[in-house]
Amino acid sequence: MLVHITLNLTPAESELQAEAVQEALTRAGARQIDTRYLRRYALVSAEVDEAQIDGIRALEMVLDVEPDGPVGAL
């Protein structure tokens, strides 16, 4: 499933730790990691098996993991 991962990193930290973030997420089971918004917003998207979500949430740098879904208008 596609998930959006919010990281607890400042823009400067995101720049310095981009490779370490990808490695940690890969070790936790994330695939097809999209880092296009990592440096600006500390957000990444990735394909993750449902069984791996808790392991990704447990990473120190991760604030939240949210499954991708439909967005409704207000």
C-alpha atoms as a PDB file:
ATOM      1  CA  MET A   1       0.000   0.000   0.000  1.00  0.00           C
ATOM      2  CA  LEU A   2       1.126   3.557  -0.640  1.00  0.00           C
ATOM      3  CA  VAL A   3       1.798   5.531   2.535  1.00  0.00           C
ATOM      4  CA  HIS A   4       2.932   9.059   3.311  1.00  0.00           C
ATOM      5  CA  ILE A   5       5.584   9.296   6.001  1.00  0.00           C
ATOM      6  CA  THR A   6       6.081  12.500   8.003  1.00  0.00           C
ATOM      7  CA  LEU A   7       9.564  12.852   9.448  1.00  0.00           C
ATOM      8  CA  ASN A   8      10.776  14.709  12.531  1.00  0.00           C
ATOM      9  CA  LEU A   9      13.518  16.588  10.667  1.00  0.00           C
ATOM     10  CA  THR A  10      14.205  20.244   9.907  1.00  0.00           C
ATOM     11  CA  PRO A  11      14.937  21.172   6.279  1.00  0.00           C
ATOM     12  CA  ALA A  12      18.669  21.323   7.086  1.00  0.00           C
ATOM     13  CA  GLU A  13      18.558  17.895   8.756  1.00  0.00           C
ATOM     14  CA  SER A  14      16.593  16.502   5.816  1.00  0.00           C
ATOM     15  CA  GLU A  15      19.325  17.679   3.457  1.00  0.00           C
ATOM     16  CA  LEU A  16      22.123  16.174   5.536  1.00  0.00           C
ATOM     17  CA  GLN A  17      20.353  12.914   6.360  1.00  0.00           C
ATOM     18  CA  ALA A  18      18.575  12.148   3.067  1.00  0.00           C
ATOM     19  CA  GLU A  19      20.607   9.012   2.364  1.00  0.00           C
ATOM     20  CA  ALA A  20      20.310   7.764   5.968  1.00  0.00           C
ATOM     21  CA  VAL A  21      16.535   8.275   5.841  1.00  0.00           C
ATOM     22  CA  GLN A  22      16.243   6.168   2.692  1.00  0.00           C
ATOM     23  CA  GLU A  23      18.439   3.441   4.160  1.00  0.00           C
ATOM     24  CA  ALA A  24      16.472   3.301   7.436  1.00  0.00           C
ATOM     25  CA  LEU A  25      13.139   3.159   5.615  1.00  0.00           C
ATOM     26  CA  THR A  26      14.421   0.449   3.276  1.00  0.00           C
ATOM     27  CA  ARG A  27      15.630  -1.636   6.228  1.00  0.00           C
ATOM     28  CA  ALA A  28      12.182  -1.225   7.814  1.00  0.00           C
ATOM     29  CA  GLY A  29      10.501  -2.617   4.683  1.00  0.00           C
ATOM     30  CA  ALA A  30       9.650   0.443   2.570  1.00  0.00           C
ATOM     31  CA  ARG A  31       9.918   0.138  -1.222  1.00  0.00           C
ATOM     32  CA  GLN A  32       9.740   2.628  -4.090  1.00  0.00           C
ATOM     33  CA  ILE A  33      10.592   5.503  -1.764  1.00  0.00           C
ATOM     34  CA  ASP A  34       9.723   8.908  -3.246  1.00  0.00           C
ATOM     35  CA  THR A  35      11.843  11.643  -1.664  1.00  0.00           C
ATOM     36  CA  ARG A  36      10.759  14.542  -3.852  1.00  0.00           C
ATOM     37  CA  TYR A  37       9.330  16.401  -0.796  1.00  0.00           C
ATOM     38  CA  LEU A  38      11.925  15.271   1.736  1.00  0.00           C
ATOM     39  CA  ARG A  39      14.145  18.336   1.776  1.00  0.00           C
ATOM     40  CA  ARG A  40      11.383  20.940   1.740  1.00  0.00           C
ATOM     41  CA  TYR A  41       8.624  19.342   3.828  1.00  0.00           C
ATOM     42  CA  ALA A  42      10.246  16.321   5.569  1.00  0.00           C
ATOM     43  CA  LEU A  43       7.750  14.047   3.793  1.00  0.00           C
ATOM     44  CA  VAL A  44       8.297  10.871   1.820  1.00  0.00           C
ATOM     45  CA  SER A  45       5.981   8.384   0.147  1.00  0.00           C
ATOM     46  CA  ALA A  46       6.630   4.684  -0.143  1.00  0.00           C
ATOM     47  CA  GLU A  47       5.075   1.332  -0.869  1.00  0.00           C
ATOM     48  CA  VAL A  48       4.801  -0.633   2.375  1.00  0.00           C
ATOM     49  CA  ASP A  49       3.241  -3.935   3.356  1.00  0.00           C
ATOM     50  CA  GLU A  50       0.652  -3.447   6.091  1.00  0.00           C
ATOM     51  CA  ALA A  51       2.718  -5.672   8.395  1.00  0.00           C
ATOM     52  CA  GLN A  52       5.669  -3.231   8.116  1.00  0.00           C
ATOM     53  CA  ILE A  53       3.838  -0.042   9.145  1.00  0.00           C
ATOM     54  CA  ASP A  54       4.439  -0.433  12.893  1.00  0.00           C
ATOM     55  CA  GLY A  55       8.152  -0.975  12.277  1.00  0.00           C
ATOM     56  CA  ILE A  56       8.333   2.218  10.232  1.00  0.00           C
ATOM     57  CA  ARG A  57       6.388   4.147  12.874  1.00  0.00           C
ATOM     58  CA  ALA A  58       8.912   2.937  15.467  1.00  0.00           C
ATOM     59  CA  LEU A  59      11.823   4.654  13.704  1.00  0.00           C
ATOM     60  CA  GLU A  60      13.077   7.612  15.735  1.00  0.00           C
ATOM     61  CA  MET A  61      12.889   9.999  12.767  1.00  0.00           C
ATOM     62  CA  VAL A  62       9.245   9.157  11.927  1.00  0.00           C
ATOM     63  CA  LEU A  63       6.384  11.290  13.261  1.00  0.00           C
ATOM     64  CA  ASP A  64       3.512   9.610  11.434  1.00  0.00           C
ATOM     65  CA  VAL A  65       2.620   7.110   8.734  1.00  0.00           C
ATOM     66  CA  GLU A  66      -0.643   7.629   6.863  1.00  0.00           C
ATOM     67  CA  PRO A  67      -2.069   5.400   4.144  1.00  0.00           C
ATOM     68  CA  ASP A  68      -2.783   7.177   0.874  1.00  0.00           C
ATOM     69  CA  GLY A  69      -6.479   7.619   0.277  1.00  0.00           C
ATOM     70  CA  PRO A  70      -9.084   9.829  -1.301  1.00  0.00           C
ATOM     71  CA  VAL A  71      -9.185  13.470  -0.311  1.00  0.00           C
ATOM     72  CA  GLY A  72     -12.603  15.003   0.231  1.00  0.00           C
ATOM     73  CA  ALA A  73     -13.524  18.610  -0.322  1.00  0.00           C
ATOM     74  CA  LEU A  74     -14.836  20.648   2.564  1.00  0.00           C
END
